[in-house]
């Protein structure tokens, strides 16, 4: 009544920009938390091996890291399969597969010698986050799942 629609159009555009920035901040927080957890577990492993090199108990920290990374990757693949089944449109399949393939390649690159400070858990968490973003994008663009 008192404010023209153009003002609300501008506010809607600004909200979209801030929402994209929010997704970036979520990603940064998630990767930072995963890197901290990865570093803490690996440090506990190293301290345990320095104190008693013949003790096998510190290996539990490495097994924990590998198990958590595997759980994150499996969940990302399950979400990707769910997206593939629930959004049958061709564009949805492209978003689903590109996200999964690119994040898989980046995760594999992060655990090589080439990537000096790579971390498997952080890469697996990012892989899952990318599937979450794909889910959000497909839900808002393609509508309700079939």
C-alpha atoms as a PDB file:
ATOM      1  CA  UNK A   1       0.000   0.000   0.000  1.00  0.00           C
ATOM      2  CA  UNK A   2       2.609   2.530   1.036  1.00  0.00           C
ATOM      3  CA  UNK A   3       5.718   0.948  -0.454  1.00  0.00           C
ATOM      4  CA  UNK A   4       6.054   0.172  -4.178  1.00  0.00           C
ATOM      5  CA  UNK A   5       6.660  -3.435  -5.277  1.00  0.00           C
ATOM      6  CA  UNK A   6      10.071  -2.503  -6.697  1.00  0.00           C
ATOM      7  CA  UNK A   7      11.357  -2.076  -3.137  1.00  0.00           C
ATOM      8  CA  UNK A   8      10.355  -5.638  -2.284  1.00  0.00           C
ATOM      9  CA  UNK A   9      11.907  -6.915  -5.517  1.00  0.00           C
ATOM     10  CA  UNK A  10      15.208  -5.343  -4.468  1.00  0.00           C
ATOM     11  CA  UNK A  11      14.884  -6.810  -0.972  1.00  0.00           C
ATOM     12  CA  UNK A  12      14.227 -10.243  -2.502  1.00  0.00           C
ATOM     13  CA  UNK A  13      17.348  -9.939  -4.648  1.00  0.00           C
ATOM     14  CA  UNK A  14      19.435  -8.904  -1.638  1.00  0.00           C
ATOM     15  CA  UNK A  15      18.073 -11.831   0.362  1.00  0.00           C
ATOM     16  CA  UNK A  16      19.184 -14.195  -2.412  1.00  0.00           C
ATOM     17  CA  UNK A  17      22.709 -12.785  -2.300  1.00  0.00           C
ATOM     18  CA  UNK A  18      22.866 -13.107   1.484  1.00  0.00           C
ATOM     19  CA  UNK A  19      21.523 -16.667   1.297  1.00  0.00           C
ATOM     20  CA  UNK A  20      24.350 -17.616  -1.062  1.00  0.00           C
ATOM     21  CA  UNK A  21      26.830 -16.045   1.357  1.00  0.00           C
ATOM     22  CA  UNK A  22      25.264 -18.060   4.178  1.00  0.00           C
ATOM     23  CA  UNK A  23      25.927 -21.306   2.272  1.00  0.00           C
ATOM     24  CA  UNK A  24      29.560 -20.282   1.845  1.00  0.00           C
ATOM     25  CA  UNK A  25      29.868 -19.556   5.561  1.00  0.00           C
ATOM     26  CA  UNK A  26      28.285 -22.921   6.399  1.00  0.00           C
ATOM     27  CA  UNK A  27      30.834 -24.623   4.168  1.00  0.00           C
ATOM     28  CA  UNK A  28      33.741 -22.772   5.771  1.00  0.00           C
ATOM     29  CA  UNK A  29      32.538 -23.661   9.255  1.00  0.00           C
ATOM     30  CA  UNK A  30      32.058 -27.313   8.328  1.00  0.00           C
ATOM     31  CA  UNK A  31      35.474 -27.676   6.706  1.00  0.00           C
ATOM     32  CA  UNK A  32      37.140 -25.879   9.617  1.00  0.00           C
ATOM     33  CA  UNK A  33      35.417 -28.132  12.165  1.00  0.00           C
ATOM     34  CA  UNK A  34      36.366 -31.237  10.171  1.00  0.00           C
ATOM     35  CA  UNK A  35      39.978 -30.079   9.887  1.00  0.00           C
ATOM     36  CA  UNK A  36      40.143 -29.444  13.636  1.00  0.00           C
ATOM     37  CA  UNK A  37      38.715 -32.901  14.387  1.00  0.00           C
ATOM     38  CA  UNK A  38      41.110 -34.488  11.899  1.00  0.00           C
ATOM     39  CA  UNK A  39      44.105 -32.673  13.394  1.00  0.00           C
ATOM     40  CA  UNK A  40      43.101 -33.518  16.975  1.00  0.00           C
ATOM     41  CA  UNK A  41      42.696 -37.228  16.219  1.00  0.00           C
ATOM     42  CA  UNK A  42      45.927 -37.394  14.261  1.00  0.00           C
ATOM     43  CA  UNK A  43      47.789 -35.583  17.056  1.00  0.00           C
ATOM     44  CA  UNK A  44      46.459 -38.086  19.609  1.00  0.00           C
ATOM     45  CA  UNK A  45      47.708 -40.879  17.349  1.00  0.00           C
ATOM     46  CA  UNK A  46      51.165 -39.297  17.048  1.00  0.00           C
ATOM     47  CA  UNK A  47      51.461 -38.669  20.799  1.00  0.00           C
ATOM     48  CA  UNK A  48      50.456 -42.254  21.536  1.00  0.00           C
ATOM     49  CA  UNK A  49      53.006 -43.632  19.075  1.00  0.00           C
ATOM     50  CA  UNK A  50      55.782 -41.414  20.485  1.00  0.00           C
ATOM     51  CA  UNK A  51      55.067 -42.512  24.037  1.00  0.00           C
ATOM     52  CA  UNK A  52      54.971 -46.219  23.226  1.00  0.00           C
ATOM     53  CA  UNK A  53      55.824 -47.176  19.623  1.00  0.00           C
ATOM     54  CA  UNK A  54      54.868 -50.831  20.100  1.00  0.00           C
ATOM     55  CA  UNK A  55      51.402 -50.066  21.484  1.00  0.00           C
ATOM     56  CA  UNK A  56      48.540 -50.663  19.049  1.00  0.00           C
ATOM     57  CA  UNK A  57      45.974 -48.554  20.927  1.00  0.00           C
ATOM     58  CA  UNK A  58      46.878 -45.286  19.158  1.00  0.00           C
ATOM     59  CA  UNK A  59      45.837 -46.924  15.888  1.00  0.00           C
ATOM     60  CA  UNK A  60      42.257 -46.562  17.125  1.00  0.00           C
ATOM     61  CA  UNK A  61      42.510 -42.834  16.330  1.00  0.00           C
ATOM     62  CA  UNK A  62      43.420 -43.592  12.706  1.00  0.00           C
ATOM     63  CA  UNK A  63      40.670 -46.193  12.480  1.00  0.00           C
ATOM     64  CA  UNK A  64      38.249 -43.583  13.853  1.00  0.00           C
ATOM     65  CA  UNK A  65      39.340 -41.082  11.218  1.00  0.00           C
ATOM     66  CA  UNK A  66      38.937 -43.627   8.438  1.00  0.00           C
ATOM     67  CA  UNK A  67      35.581 -44.833   9.768  1.00  0.00           C
ATOM     68  CA  UNK A  68      34.180 -41.313  10.067  1.00  0.00           C
ATOM     69  CA  UNK A  69      35.388 -40.430   6.577  1.00  0.00           C
ATOM     70  CA  UNK A  70      33.869 -43.635   5.210  1.00  0.00           C
ATOM     71  CA  UNK A  71      30.563 -42.885   6.942  1.00  0.00           C
ATOM     72  CA  UNK A  72      30.474 -39.376   5.450  1.00  0.00           C
ATOM     73  CA  UNK A  73      31.284 -40.672   1.963  1.00  0.00           C
ATOM     74  CA  UNK A  74      28.687 -43.441   2.190  1.00  0.00           C
ATOM     75  CA  UNK A  75      26.070 -40.940   3.335  1.00  0.00           C
ATOM     76  CA  UNK A  76      26.966 -38.637   0.442  1.00  0.00           C
ATOM     77  CA  UNK A  77      26.606 -41.505  -2.042  1.00  0.00           C
ATOM     78  CA  UNK A  78      23.273 -42.537  -0.493  1.00  0.00           C
ATOM     79  CA  UNK A  79      22.022 -38.946  -0.747  1.00  0.00           C
ATOM     80  CA  UNK A  80      23.194 -38.787  -4.335  1.00  0.00           C
ATOM     81  CA  UNK A  81      21.330 -42.001  -5.140  1.00  0.00           C
ATOM     82  CA  UNK A  82      18.268 -40.591  -3.423  1.00  0.00           C
ATOM     83  CA  UNK A  83      18.483 -37.416  -5.456  1.00  0.00           C
ATOM     84  CA  UNK A  84      18.848 -39.472  -8.611  1.00  0.00           C
ATOM     85  CA  UNK A  85      15.674 -41.414  -7.823  1.00  0.00           C
ATOM     86  CA  UNK A  86      13.516 -38.628  -6.404  1.00  0.00           C
ATOM     87  CA  UNK A  87      14.211 -35.982  -9.030  1.00  0.00           C
ATOM     88  CA  UNK A  88      13.887 -37.712 -12.398  1.00  0.00           C
ATOM     89  CA  UNK A  89      14.430 -34.616 -14.544  1.00  0.00           C
ATOM     90  CA  UNK A  90      17.565 -34.567 -16.723  1.00  0.00           C
ATOM     91  CA  UNK A  91      18.962 -31.399 -15.167  1.00  0.00           C
ATOM     92  CA  UNK A  92      18.598 -32.855 -11.690  1.00  0.00           C
ATOM     93  CA  UNK A  93      20.651 -35.864 -12.715  1.00  0.00           C
ATOM     94  CA  UNK A  94      23.384 -33.595 -14.049  1.00  0.00           C
ATOM     95  CA  UNK A  95      23.554 -31.607 -10.802  1.00  0.00           C
ATOM     96  CA  UNK A  96      23.622 -34.819  -8.789  1.00  0.00           C
ATOM     97  CA  UNK A  97      26.358 -36.536 -10.795  1.00  0.00           C
ATOM     98  CA  UNK A  98      28.576 -33.492 -11.337  1.00  0.00           C
ATOM     99  CA  UNK A  99      28.525 -32.752  -7.611  1.00  0.00           C
ATOM    100  CA  UNK A 100      29.369 -36.332  -6.698  1.00  0.00           C
ATOM    101  CA  UNK A 101      32.098 -36.778  -9.321  1.00  0.00           C
ATOM    102  CA  UNK A 102      33.792 -33.422  -8.694  1.00  0.00           C
ATOM    103  CA  UNK A 103      33.766 -33.860  -4.916  1.00  0.00           C
ATOM    104  CA  UNK A 104      35.090 -37.424  -5.292  1.00  0.00           C
ATOM    105  CA  UNK A 105      37.949 -36.257  -7.510  1.00  0.00           C
ATOM    106  CA  UNK A 106      38.772 -33.450  -5.072  1.00  0.00           C
ATOM    107  CA  UNK A 107      38.685 -35.875  -2.139  1.00  0.00           C
ATOM    108  CA  UNK A 108      41.027 -38.283  -3.888  1.00  0.00           C
ATOM    109  CA  UNK A 109      43.359 -35.402  -4.772  1.00  0.00           C
ATOM    110  CA  UNK A 110      43.370 -34.208  -1.154  1.00  0.00           C
ATOM    111  CA  UNK A 111      44.848 -37.463   0.150  1.00  0.00           C
ATOM    112  CA  UNK A 112      47.751 -37.595  -2.284  1.00  0.00           C
ATOM    113  CA  UNK A 113      51.270 -36.287  -1.732  1.00  0.00           C
ATOM    114  CA  UNK A 114      50.468 -33.552  -4.245  1.00  0.00           C
ATOM    115  CA  UNK A 115      48.098 -31.863  -1.783  1.00  0.00           C
ATOM    116  CA  UNK A 116      50.370 -30.954   1.104  1.00  0.00           C
ATOM    117  CA  UNK A 117      47.751 -30.171   3.759  1.00  0.00           C
ATOM    118  CA  UNK A 118      44.873 -32.339   2.593  1.00  0.00           C
ATOM    119  CA  UNK A 119      42.663 -34.146   5.072  1.00  0.00           C
ATOM    120  CA  UNK A 120      40.389 -37.073   4.320  1.00  0.00           C
ATOM    121  CA  UNK A 121      37.732 -36.243   6.914  1.00  0.00           C
ATOM    122  CA  UNK A 122      37.429 -32.620   5.776  1.00  0.00           C
ATOM    123  CA  UNK A 123      37.163 -33.717   2.147  1.00  0.00           C
ATOM    124  CA  UNK A 124      34.508 -36.296   3.007  1.00  0.00           C
ATOM    125  CA  UNK A 125      32.572 -33.679   4.990  1.00  0.00           C
ATOM    126  CA  UNK A 126      32.752 -31.319   2.018  1.00  0.00           C
ATOM    127  CA  UNK A 127      31.531 -34.124  -0.233  1.00  0.00           C
ATOM    128  CA  UNK A 128      28.489 -34.581   1.999  1.00  0.00           C
ATOM    129  CA  UNK A 129      27.917 -30.824   2.181  1.00  0.00           C
ATOM    130  CA  UNK A 130      27.974 -30.613  -1.613  1.00  0.00           C
ATOM    131  CA  UNK A 131      25.248 -33.250  -1.789  1.00  0.00           C
ATOM    132  CA  UNK A 132      23.257 -31.245   0.758  1.00  0.00           C
ATOM    133  CA  UNK A 133      23.596 -28.172  -1.451  1.00  0.00           C
ATOM    134  CA  UNK A 134      22.537 -30.202  -4.482  1.00  0.00           C
ATOM    135  CA  UNK A 135      19.505 -31.394  -2.537  1.00  0.00           C
ATOM    136  CA  UNK A 136      18.592 -27.814  -1.634  1.00  0.00           C
ATOM    137  CA  UNK A 137      19.115 -26.576  -5.194  1.00  0.00           C
ATOM    138  CA  UNK A 138      17.093 -29.363  -6.749  1.00  0.00           C
ATOM    139  CA  UNK A 139      14.309 -28.962  -4.210  1.00  0.00           C
ATOM    140  CA  UNK A 140      13.966 -25.258  -4.881  1.00  0.00           C
ATOM    141  CA  UNK A 141      14.437 -25.439  -8.657  1.00  0.00           C
ATOM    142  CA  UNK A 142      12.629 -28.640  -9.605  1.00  0.00           C
ATOM    143  CA  UNK A 143       9.981 -28.528  -6.886  1.00  0.00           C
ATOM    144  CA  UNK A 144       8.750 -31.431  -4.828  1.00  0.00           C
ATOM    145  CA  UNK A 145      10.380 -34.820  -5.190  1.00  0.00           C
ATOM    146  CA  UNK A 146       8.396 -37.421  -7.084  1.00  0.00           C
END
